Amino acid sequence: MVLTKKQVWKIICTPGNFKHRLILMTTYAEGLRASEVIALKPKHIESEKMLIKVEGGKGLKSRYNMLSVKLLAELRRYYRKYPPGYHCKQSHHNASRRKGDL
C-alpha cells in the first residue's frame, strides 16, 4: 500500500507529544530504522551541508542522508525547547519506583 502525502502527514501529526511527532517525522523523512533514529545525536546533524550522518546502520555501516529544510526547522525547534541536559521533573509514577526497578 502506498500512502498519499496527506495520509503520511496525518500519521506524523497524530501524536500529541512534540518529541513523538519529531521521531515519526525523522523516521519518514530520512528513511531511517527505529534504532537509527534512537542513536541520532546533535553532532550527527550537519546543517551547513544539509546532511544527517547515520552511524551504525545496517551492517554497522555509516552513511549520510539529505536533510530536509522542514525537518531541520523542527529539529532546531526541539533543540531550543529541550537543550541537551534538559530533564523533565520526575512524574509521580516514576518517583514512586525503587532504584533499579524497570
PDB file of N, CA and C in Angstrom:
ATOM      1  N   MET A   1       0.844  -1.174   0.000  1.00  0.00           N
ATOM      2  CA  MET A   1       0.000   0.000   0.000  1.00  0.00           C
ATOM      3  C   MET A   1       0.889   1.236   0.000  1.00  0.00           C
ATOM      4  N   VAL A   2       0.565   2.187  -0.820  1.00  0.00           N
ATOM      5  CA  VAL A   2       1.288   3.448  -0.894  1.00  0.00           C
ATOM      6  C   VAL A   2       0.393   4.530  -0.306  1.00  0.00           C
ATOM      7  N   LEU A   3       0.959   5.291   0.621  1.00  0.00           N
ATOM      8  CA  LEU A   3       0.206   6.362   1.276  1.00  0.00           C
ATOM      9  C   LEU A   3       0.377   7.675   0.523  1.00  0.00           C
ATOM     10  N   THR A   4      -0.643   8.496   0.557  1.00  0.00           N
ATOM     11  CA  THR A   4      -0.549   9.835  -0.022  1.00  0.00           C
ATOM     12  C   THR A   4       0.184  10.738   0.962  1.00  0.00           C
ATOM     13  N   LYS A   5       0.618  11.898   0.485  1.00  0.00           N
ATOM     14  CA  LYS A   5       1.278  12.862   1.376  1.00  0.00           C
ATOM     15  C   LYS A   5       0.357  13.261   2.522  1.00  0.00           C
ATOM     16  N   LYS A   6      -0.908  13.426   2.217  1.00  0.00           N
ATOM     17  CA  LYS A   6      -1.895  13.806   3.232  1.00  0.00           C
ATOM     18  C   LYS A   6      -2.011  12.730   4.311  1.00  0.00           C
ATOM     19  N   GLN A   7      -2.021  11.465   3.909  1.00  0.00           N
ATOM     20  CA  GLN A   7      -2.117  10.361   4.865  1.00  0.00           C
ATOM     21  C   GLN A   7      -0.859  10.280   5.742  1.00  0.00           C
ATOM     22  N   VAL A   8       0.305  10.464   5.117  1.00  0.00           N
ATOM     23  CA  VAL A   8       1.564  10.435   5.872  1.00  0.00           C
ATOM     24  C   VAL A   8       1.580  11.567   6.883  1.00  0.00           C
ATOM     25  N   TRP A   9       1.196  12.770   6.455  1.00  0.00           N
ATOM     26  CA  TRP A   9       1.199  13.919   7.357  1.00  0.00           C
ATOM     27  C   TRP A   9       0.223  13.698   8.512  1.00  0.00           C
ATOM     28  N   LYS A  10      -0.916  13.072   8.242  1.00  0.00           N
ATOM     29  CA  LYS A  10      -1.891  12.777   9.292  1.00  0.00           C
ATOM     30  C   LYS A  10      -1.282  11.837  10.332  1.00  0.00           C
ATOM     31  N   ILE A  11      -0.531  10.822   9.883  1.00  0.00           N
ATOM     32  CA  ILE A  11       0.126   9.890  10.805  1.00  0.00           C
ATOM     33  C   ILE A  11       1.165  10.630  11.646  1.00  0.00           C
ATOM     34  N   ILE A  12       1.972  11.466  10.996  1.00  0.00           N
ATOM     35  CA  ILE A  12       3.024  12.205  11.704  1.00  0.00           C
ATOM     36  C   ILE A  12       2.428  13.146  12.748  1.00  0.00           C
ATOM     37  N   CYS A  13       1.313  13.763  12.427  1.00  0.00           N
ATOM     38  CA  CYS A  13       0.713  14.756  13.332  1.00  0.00           C
ATOM     39  C   CYS A  13      -0.193  14.153  14.398  1.00  0.00           C
ATOM     40  N   THR A  14      -0.434  12.847  14.364  1.00  0.00           N
ATOM     41  CA  THR A  14      -1.334  12.207  15.316  1.00  0.00           C
ATOM     42  C   THR A  14      -0.862  12.292  16.763  1.00  0.00           C
ATOM     43  N   PRO A  15       0.410  11.987  17.062  1.00  0.00           N
ATOM     44  CA  PRO A  15       0.824  12.055  18.475  1.00  0.00           C
ATOM     45  C   PRO A  15       0.717  13.479  19.025  1.00  0.00           C
ATOM     46  N   GLY A  16       0.264  13.598  20.255  1.00  0.00           N
ATOM     47  CA  GLY A  16       0.157  14.898  20.898  1.00  0.00           C
ATOM     48  C   GLY A  16       1.498  15.388  21.427  1.00  0.00           C
ATOM     49  N   ASN A  17       2.432  14.500  21.578  1.00  0.00           N
ATOM     50  CA  ASN A  17       3.741  14.820  22.126  1.00  0.00           C
ATOM     51  C   ASN A  17       4.677  15.261  20.996  1.00  0.00           C
ATOM     52  N   PHE A  18       5.294  16.445  21.154  1.00  0.00           N
ATOM     53  CA  PHE A  18       6.181  17.018  20.146  1.00  0.00           C
ATOM     54  C   PHE A  18       7.334  16.075  19.818  1.00  0.00           C
ATOM     55  N   LYS A  19       7.932  15.473  20.829  1.00  0.00           N
ATOM     56  CA  LYS A  19       9.057  14.559  20.623  1.00  0.00           C
ATOM     57  C   LYS A  19       8.632  13.365  19.773  1.00  0.00           C
ATOM     58  N   HIS A  20       7.466  12.816  20.043  1.00  0.00           N
ATOM     59  CA  HIS A  20       6.985  11.663  19.293  1.00  0.00           C
ATOM     60  C   HIS A  20       6.705  12.018  17.834  1.00  0.00           C
ATOM     61  N   ARG A  21       6.142  13.216  17.613  1.00  0.00           N
ATOM     62  CA  ARG A  21       5.916  13.679  16.239  1.00  0.00           C
ATOM     63  C   ARG A  21       7.241  13.827  15.498  1.00  0.00           C
ATOM     64  N   LEU A  22       8.239  14.367  16.194  1.00  0.00           N
ATOM     65  CA  LEU A  22       9.553  14.565  15.583  1.00  0.00           C
ATOM     66  C   LEU A  22      10.219  13.230  15.258  1.00  0.00           C
ATOM     67  N   ILE A  23      10.043  12.242  16.101  1.00  0.00           N
ATOM     68  CA  ILE A  23      10.578  10.900  15.831  1.00  0.00           C
ATOM     69  C   ILE A  23       9.940  10.334  14.561  1.00  0.00           C
ATOM     70  N   LEU A  24       8.619  10.440  14.448  1.00  0.00           N
ATOM     71  CA  LEU A  24       7.934   9.952  13.245  1.00  0.00           C
ATOM     72  C   LEU A  24       8.377  10.715  12.004  1.00  0.00           C
ATOM     73  N   MET A  25       8.494  12.033  12.133  1.00  0.00           N
ATOM     74  CA  MET A  25       8.908  12.865  11.009  1.00  0.00           C
ATOM     75  C   MET A  25      10.318  12.492  10.552  1.00  0.00           C
ATOM     76  N   THR A  26      11.215  12.308  11.501  1.00  0.00           N
ATOM     77  CA  THR A  26      12.597  11.955  11.180  1.00  0.00           C
ATOM     78  C   THR A  26      12.658  10.573  10.533  1.00  0.00           C
ATOM     79  N   THR A  27      11.921   9.634  11.074  1.00  0.00           N
ATOM     80  CA  THR A  27      11.892   8.278  10.530  1.00  0.00           C
ATOM     81  C   THR A  27      11.425   8.295   9.083  1.00  0.00           C
ATOM     82  N   TYR A  28      10.340   9.005   8.827  1.00  0.00           N
ATOM     83  CA  TYR A  28       9.778   9.033   7.480  1.00  0.00           C
ATOM     84  C   TYR A  28      10.638   9.852   6.524  1.00  0.00           C
ATOM     85  N   ALA A  29      10.997  11.065   6.925  1.00  0.00           N
ATOM     86  CA  ALA A  29      11.727  11.977   6.033  1.00  0.00           C
ATOM     87  C   ALA A  29      13.103  11.435   5.655  1.00  0.00           C
ATOM     88  N   GLU A  30      13.733  10.742   6.581  1.00  0.00           N
ATOM     89  CA  GLU A  30      15.092  10.256   6.341  1.00  0.00           C
ATOM     90  C   GLU A  30      15.155   8.780   5.975  1.00  0.00           C
ATOM     91  N   GLY A  31      14.035   8.083   6.062  1.00  0.00           N
ATOM     92  CA  GLY A  31      14.020   6.655   5.741  1.00  0.00           C
ATOM     93  C   GLY A  31      14.858   5.850   6.711  1.00  0.00           C
ATOM     94  N   LEU A  32      14.812   6.236   7.987  1.00  0.00           N
ATOM     95  CA  LEU A  32      15.646   5.583   8.992  1.00  0.00           C
ATOM     96  C   LEU A  32      14.908   4.451   9.694  1.00  0.00           C
ATOM     97  N   ARG A  33      15.675   3.532  10.215  1.00  0.00           N
ATOM     98  CA  ARG A  33      15.154   2.474  11.074  1.00  0.00           C
ATOM     99  C   ARG A  33      15.002   3.053  12.478  1.00  0.00           C
ATOM    100  N   ALA A  34      14.183   2.420  13.297  1.00  0.00           N
ATOM    101  CA  ALA A  34      13.960   2.908  14.667  1.00  0.00           C
ATOM    102  C   ALA A  34      15.278   3.010  15.433  1.00  0.00           C
ATOM    103  N   SER A  35      16.136   2.011  15.314  1.00  0.00           N
ATOM    104  CA  SER A  35      17.418   2.030  16.036  1.00  0.00           C
ATOM    105  C   SER A  35      18.306   3.178  15.571  1.00  0.00           C
ATOM    106  N   GLU A  36      18.203   3.548  14.305  1.00  0.00           N
ATOM    107  CA  GLU A  36      18.995   4.659  13.784  1.00  0.00           C
ATOM    108  C   GLU A  36      18.491   5.997  14.309  1.00  0.00           C
ATOM    109  N   VAL A  37      17.180   6.139  14.423  1.00  0.00           N
ATOM    110  CA  VAL A  37      16.605   7.376  14.972  1.00  0.00           C
ATOM    111  C   VAL A  37      17.004   7.520  16.436  1.00  0.00           C
ATOM    112  N   ILE A  38      16.928   6.432  17.190  1.00  0.00           N
ATOM    113  CA  ILE A  38      17.282   6.456  18.611  1.00  0.00           C
ATOM    114  C   ILE A  38      18.741   6.853  18.804  1.00  0.00           C
ATOM    115  N   ALA A  39      19.604   6.444  17.892  1.00  0.00           N
ATOM    116  CA  ALA A  39      21.038   6.712  18.021  1.00  0.00           C
ATOM    117  C   ALA A  39      21.445   8.120  17.589  1.00  0.00           C
ATOM    118  N   LEU A  40      20.538   8.876  16.961  1.00  0.00           N
ATOM    119  CA  LEU A  40      20.888  10.220  16.495  1.00  0.00           C
ATOM    120  C   LEU A  40      21.227  11.151  17.651  1.00  0.00           C
ATOM    121  N   LYS A  41      22.233  11.972  17.428  1.00  0.00           N
ATOM    122  CA  LYS A  41      22.661  12.984  18.401  1.00  0.00           C
ATOM    123  C   LYS A  41      22.849  14.297  17.650  1.00  0.00           C
ATOM    124  N   PRO A  42      22.828  15.419  18.361  1.00  0.00           N
ATOM    125  CA  PRO A  42      23.011  16.716  17.685  1.00  0.00           C
ATOM    126  C   PRO A  42      24.264  16.774  16.803  1.00  0.00           C
ATOM    127  N   LYS A  43      25.331  16.083  17.197  1.00  0.00           N
ATOM    128  CA  LYS A  43      26.563  16.116  16.405  1.00  0.00           C
ATOM    129  C   LYS A  43      26.397  15.450  15.037  1.00  0.00           C
ATOM    130  N   HIS A  44      25.346  14.654  14.856  1.00  0.00           N
ATOM    131  CA  HIS A  44      25.104  13.988  13.584  1.00  0.00           C
ATOM    132  C   HIS A  44      24.393  14.887  12.567  1.00  0.00           C
ATOM    133  N   ILE A  45      23.903  16.028  13.015  1.00  0.00           N
ATOM    134  CA  ILE A  45      23.193  16.955  12.131  1.00  0.00           C
ATOM    135  C   ILE A  45      24.202  17.955  11.574  1.00  0.00           C
ATOM    136  N   GLU A  46      24.414  17.910  10.283  1.00  0.00           N
ATOM    137  CA  GLU A  46      25.331  18.840   9.622  1.00  0.00           C
ATOM    138  C   GLU A  46      24.486  19.834   8.833  1.00  0.00           C
ATOM    139  N   SER A  47      23.971  20.840   9.549  1.00  0.00           N
ATOM    140  CA  SER A  47      23.016  21.763   8.956  1.00  0.00           C
ATOM    141  C   SER A  47      23.614  22.597   7.831  1.00  0.00           C
ATOM    142  N   GLU A  48      24.910  22.930   7.917  1.00  0.00           N
ATOM    143  CA  GLU A  48      25.515  23.738   6.857  1.00  0.00           C
ATOM    144  C   GLU A  48      25.606  22.960   5.543  1.00  0.00           C
ATOM    145  N   LYS A  49      25.684  21.637   5.624  1.00  0.00           N
ATOM    146  CA  LYS A  49      25.718  20.784   4.430  1.00  0.00           C
ATOM    147  C   LYS A  49      24.363  20.142   4.147  1.00  0.00           C
ATOM    148  N   MET A  50      23.400  20.352   5.048  1.00  0.00           N
ATOM    149  CA  MET A  50      22.060  19.771   4.952  1.00  0.00           C
ATOM    150  C   MET A  50      22.130  18.245   4.869  1.00  0.00           C
ATOM    151  N   LEU A  51      22.902  17.669   5.820  1.00  0.00           N
ATOM    152  CA  LEU A  51      23.081  16.223   5.890  1.00  0.00           C
ATOM    153  C   LEU A  51      22.875  15.718   7.310  1.00  0.00           C
ATOM    154  N   ILE A  52      22.467  14.472   7.407  1.00  0.00           N
ATOM    155  CA  ILE A  52      22.415  13.758   8.681  1.00  0.00           C
ATOM    156  C   ILE A  52      23.344  12.567   8.540  1.00  0.00           C
ATOM    157  N   LYS A  53      24.266  12.428   9.488  1.00  0.00           N
ATOM    158  CA  LYS A  53      25.151  11.272   9.486  1.00  0.00           C
ATOM    159  C   LYS A  53      24.478  10.166  10.298  1.00  0.00           C
ATOM    160  N   VAL A  54      24.279   9.031   9.657  1.00  0.00           N
ATOM    161  CA  VAL A  54      23.673   7.876  10.314  1.00  0.00           C
ATOM    162  C   VAL A  54      24.811   6.899  10.584  1.00  0.00           C
ATOM    163  N   GLU A  55      25.104   6.702  11.872  1.00  0.00           N
ATOM    164  CA  GLU A  55      26.196   5.815  12.253  1.00  0.00           C
ATOM    165  C   GLU A  55      25.653   4.466  12.692  1.00  0.00           C
ATOM    166  N   GLY A  56      26.368   3.414  12.348  1.00  0.00           N
ATOM    167  CA  GLY A  56      25.997   2.073  12.802  1.00  0.00           C
ATOM    168  C   GLY A  56      24.678   1.602  12.245  1.00  0.00           C
ATOM    169  N   GLY A  57      24.411   1.899  10.990  1.00  0.00           N
ATOM    170  CA  GLY A  57      23.179   1.436  10.358  1.00  0.00           C
ATOM    171  C   GLY A  57      23.267  -0.049  10.037  1.00  0.00           C
ATOM    172  N   LYS A  58      22.525  -0.465   9.057  1.00  0.00           N
ATOM    173  CA  LYS A  58      22.512  -1.868   8.662  1.00  0.00           C
ATOM    174  C   LYS A  58      23.932  -2.299   8.281  1.00  0.00           C
ATOM    175  N   GLY A  59      24.362  -3.405   8.841  1.00  0.00           N
ATOM    176  CA  GLY A  59      25.722  -3.873   8.606  1.00  0.00           C
ATOM    177  C   GLY A  59      26.764  -3.041   9.331  1.00  0.00           C
ATOM    178  N   LEU A  60      26.302  -2.258  10.318  1.00  0.00           N
ATOM    179  CA  LEU A  60      27.160  -1.359  11.106  1.00  0.00           C
ATOM    180  C   LEU A  60      27.917  -0.370  10.232  1.00  0.00           C
ATOM    181  N   LYS A  61      27.328  -0.009   9.093  1.00  0.00           N
ATOM    182  CA  LYS A  61      27.937   0.968   8.192  1.00  0.00           C
ATOM    183  C   LYS A  61      27.353   2.351   8.463  1.00  0.00           C
ATOM    184  N   SER A  62      28.182   3.359   8.261  1.00  0.00           N
ATOM    185  CA  SER A  62      27.729   4.741   8.390  1.00  0.00           C
ATOM    186  C   SER A  62      27.381   5.273   7.005  1.00  0.00           C
ATOM    187  N   ARG A  63      26.449   6.223   6.981  1.00  0.00           N
ATOM    188  CA  ARG A  63      26.062   6.844   5.718  1.00  0.00           C
ATOM    189  C   ARG A  63      25.546   8.248   5.994  1.00  0.00           C
ATOM    190  N   TYR A  64      25.403   9.033   4.945  1.00  0.00           N
ATOM    191  CA  TYR A  64      24.825  10.363   5.043  1.00  0.00           C
ATOM    192  C   TYR A  64      23.487  10.376   4.318  1.00  0.00           C
ATOM    193  N   ASN A  65      22.512  11.053   4.916  1.00  0.00           N
ATOM    194  CA  ASN A  65      21.205  11.266   4.298  1.00  0.00           C
ATOM    195  C   ASN A  65      21.010  12.761   4.117  1.00  0.00           C
ATOM    196  N   MET A  66      20.284  13.126   3.062  1.00  0.00           N
ATOM    197  CA  MET A  66      19.940  14.533   2.842  1.00  0.00           C
ATOM    198  C   MET A  66      18.973  14.976   3.934  1.00  0.00           C
ATOM    199  N   LEU A  67      19.166  16.172   4.433  1.00  0.00           N
ATOM    200  CA  LEU A  67      18.326  16.740   5.487  1.00  0.00           C
ATOM    201  C   LEU A  67      17.365  17.741   4.872  1.00  0.00           C
ATOM    202  N   SER A  68      16.078  17.539   5.102  1.00  0.00           N
ATOM    203  CA  SER A  68      15.095  18.469   4.539  1.00  0.00           C
ATOM    204  C   SER A  68      15.054  19.758   5.360  1.00  0.00           C
ATOM    205  N   VAL A  69      14.694  20.830   4.713  1.00  0.00           N
ATOM    206  CA  VAL A  69      14.600  22.136   5.362  1.00  0.00           C
ATOM    207  C   VAL A  69      13.559  22.095   6.477  1.00  0.00           C
ATOM    208  N   LYS A  70      12.430  21.455   6.214  1.00  0.00           N
ATOM    209  CA  LYS A  70      11.349  21.374   7.202  1.00  0.00           C
ATOM    210  C   LYS A  70      11.787  20.572   8.427  1.00  0.00           C
ATOM    211  N   LEU A  71      12.471  19.443   8.210  1.00  0.00           N
ATOM    212  CA  LEU A  71      12.938  18.636   9.338  1.00  0.00           C
ATOM    213  C   LEU A  71      13.979  19.402  10.142  1.00  0.00           C
ATOM    214  N   LEU A  72      14.890  20.098   9.468  1.00  0.00           N
ATOM    215  CA  LEU A  72      15.895  20.890  10.181  1.00  0.00           C
ATOM    216  C   LEU A  72      15.229  21.942  11.063  1.00  0.00           C
ATOM    217  N   ALA A  73      14.209  22.607  10.551  1.00  0.00           N
ATOM    218  CA  ALA A  73      13.492  23.619  11.344  1.00  0.00           C
ATOM    219  C   ALA A  73      12.858  22.989  12.582  1.00  0.00           C
ATOM    220  N   GLU A  74      12.269  21.801  12.432  1.00  0.00           N
ATOM    221  CA  GLU A  74      11.646  21.120  13.570  1.00  0.00           C
ATOM    222  C   GLU A  74      12.694  20.632  14.569  1.00  0.00           C
ATOM    223  N   LEU A  75      13.816  20.132  14.082  1.00  0.00           N
ATOM    224  CA  LEU A  75      14.899  19.701  14.970  1.00  0.00           C
ATOM    225  C   LEU A  75      15.439  20.881  15.773  1.00  0.00           C
ATOM    226  N   ARG A  76      15.587  22.031  15.122  1.00  0.00           N
ATOM    227  CA  ARG A  76      16.055  23.236  15.824  1.00  0.00           C
ATOM    228  C   ARG A  76      15.049  23.688  16.871  1.00  0.00           C
ATOM    229  N   ARG A  77      13.781  23.622  16.513  1.00  0.00           N
ATOM    230  CA  ARG A  77      12.726  23.994  17.470  1.00  0.00           C
ATOM    231  C   ARG A  77      12.775  23.087  18.708  1.00  0.00           C
ATOM    232  N   TYR A  78      12.949  21.786  18.477  1.00  0.00           N
ATOM    233  CA  TYR A  78      13.046  20.840  19.596  1.00  0.00           C
ATOM    234  C   TYR A  78      14.289  21.124  20.437  1.00  0.00           C
ATOM    235  N   TYR A  79      15.406  21.379  19.771  1.00  0.00           N
ATOM    236  CA  TYR A  79      16.681  21.632  20.455  1.00  0.00           C
ATOM    237  C   TYR A  79      16.588  22.873  21.343  1.00  0.00           C
ATOM    238  N   ARG A  80      15.894  23.924  20.844  1.00  0.00           N
ATOM    239  CA  ARG A  80      15.711  25.151  21.650  1.00  0.00           C
ATOM    240  C   ARG A  80      14.816  24.888  22.865  1.00  0.00           C
ATOM    241  N   LYS A  81      13.785  24.085  22.659  1.00  0.00           N
ATOM    242  CA  LYS A  81      12.843  23.803  23.741  1.00  0.00           C
ATOM    243  C   LYS A  81      13.431  22.832  24.765  1.00  0.00           C
ATOM    244  N   TYR A  82      14.182  21.851  24.285  1.00  0.00           N
ATOM    245  CA  TYR A  82      14.762  20.825  25.152  1.00  0.00           C
ATOM    246  C   TYR A  82      16.256  20.672  24.854  1.00  0.00           C
ATOM    247  N   PRO A  83      17.078  21.613  25.324  1.00  0.00           N
ATOM    248  CA  PRO A  83      18.518  21.524  25.050  1.00  0.00           C
ATOM    249  C   PRO A  83      19.125  20.294  25.724  1.00  0.00           C
ATOM    250  N   PRO A  84      20.285  19.827  25.215  1.00  0.00           N
ATOM    251  CA  PRO A  84      20.937  18.675  25.854  1.00  0.00           C
ATOM    252  C   PRO A  84      21.135  18.941  27.347  1.00  0.00           C
ATOM    253  N   GLY A  85      20.887  17.941  28.140  1.00  0.00           N
ATOM    254  CA  GLY A  85      20.995  18.092  29.590  1.00  0.00           C
ATOM    255  C   GLY A  85      19.681  18.476  30.246  1.00  0.00           C
ATOM    256  N   TYR A  86      18.663  18.824  29.440  1.00  0.00           N
ATOM    257  CA  TYR A  86      17.348  19.173  29.979  1.00  0.00           C
ATOM    258  C   TYR A  86      16.671  17.904  30.472  1.00  0.00           C
ATOM    259  N   HIS A  87      16.145  17.966  31.677  1.00  0.00           N
ATOM    260  CA  HIS A  87      15.406  16.820  32.215  1.00  0.00           C
ATOM    261  C   HIS A  87      14.098  17.319  32.799  1.00  0.00           C
ATOM    262  N   CYS A  88      13.016  16.668  32.411  1.00  0.00           N
ATOM    263  CA  CYS A  88      11.711  16.988  32.991  1.00  0.00           C
ATOM    264  C   CYS A  88      11.703  16.517  34.439  1.00  0.00           C
ATOM    265  N   LYS A  89      10.879  17.151  35.248  1.00  0.00           N
ATOM    266  CA  LYS A  89      10.712  16.664  36.615  1.00  0.00           C
ATOM    267  C   LYS A  89      10.142  15.265  36.551  1.00  0.00           C
ATOM    268  N   GLN A  90      10.557  14.429  37.483  1.00  0.00           N
ATOM    269  CA  GLN A  90      10.022  13.066  37.514  1.00  0.00           C
ATOM    270  C   GLN A  90       8.528  13.109  37.768  1.00  0.00           C
ATOM    271  N   SER A  91       7.829  12.252  37.068  1.00  0.00           N
ATOM    272  CA  SER A  91       6.398  12.165  37.319  1.00  0.00           C
ATOM    273  C   SER A  91       6.183  11.424  38.636  1.00  0.00           C
ATOM    274  N   HIS A  92       4.994  11.560  39.192  1.00  0.00           N
ATOM    275  CA  HIS A  92       4.662  10.883  40.447  1.00  0.00           C
ATOM    276  C   HIS A  92       4.851   9.384  40.281  1.00  0.00           C
ATOM    277  N   HIS A  93       4.462   8.855  39.125  1.00  0.00           N
ATOM    278  CA  HIS A  93       4.578   7.412  38.864  1.00  0.00           C
ATOM    279  C   HIS A  93       6.043   6.979  38.926  1.00  0.00           C
ATOM    280  N   ASN A  94       6.930   7.700  38.261  1.00  0.00           N
ATOM    281  CA  ASN A  94       8.342   7.336  38.241  1.00  0.00           C
ATOM    282  C   ASN A  94       9.009   7.547  39.595  1.00  0.00           C
ATOM    283  N   ALA A  95       8.598   8.554  40.319  1.00  0.00           N
ATOM    284  CA  ALA A  95       9.215   8.858  41.605  1.00  0.00           C
ATOM    285  C   ALA A  95       8.925   7.761  42.630  1.00  0.00           C
ATOM    286  N   SER A  96       7.850   7.030  42.438  1.00  0.00           N
ATOM    287  CA  SER A  96       7.488   6.009  43.408  1.00  0.00           C
ATOM    288  C   SER A  96       8.261   4.692  43.193  1.00  0.00           C
ATOM    289  N   ARG A  97       8.972   4.580  42.098  1.00  0.00           N
ATOM    290  CA  ARG A  97       9.740   3.367  41.830  1.00  0.00           C
ATOM    291  C   ARG A  97      11.015   3.334  42.657  1.00  0.00           C
ATOM    292  N   ARG A  98      11.413   2.132  43.003  1.00  0.00           N
ATOM    293  CA  ARG A  98      12.664   1.968  43.715  1.00  0.00           C
ATOM    294  C   ARG A  98      13.814   2.005  42.727  1.00  0.00           C
ATOM    295  N   LYS A  99      14.976   2.385  43.208  1.00  0.00           N
ATOM    296  CA  LYS A  99      16.163   2.400  42.366  1.00  0.00           C
ATOM    297  C   LYS A  99      16.407   0.994  41.859  1.00  0.00           C
ATOM    298  N   GLY A 100      16.674   0.871  40.570  1.00  0.00           N
ATOM    299  CA  GLY A 100      16.940  -0.429  39.976  1.00  0.00           C
ATOM    300  C   GLY A 100      15.715  -1.085  39.370  1.00  0.00           C
ATOM    301  N   ASP A 101      14.507  -0.596  39.702  1.00  0.00           N
ATOM    302  CA  ASP A 101      13.297  -1.145  39.091  1.00  0.00           C
ATOM    303  C   ASP A 101      13.157  -0.643  37.668  1.00  0.00           C
ATOM    304  N   LEU A 102      12.619  -1.463  36.821  1.00  0.00           N
ATOM    305  CA  LEU A 102      12.370  -1.039  35.442  1.00  0.00           C
ATOM    306  C   LEU A 102      10.986  -0.528  35.274  1.00  0.00           C
TER     307      LEU A 102
END
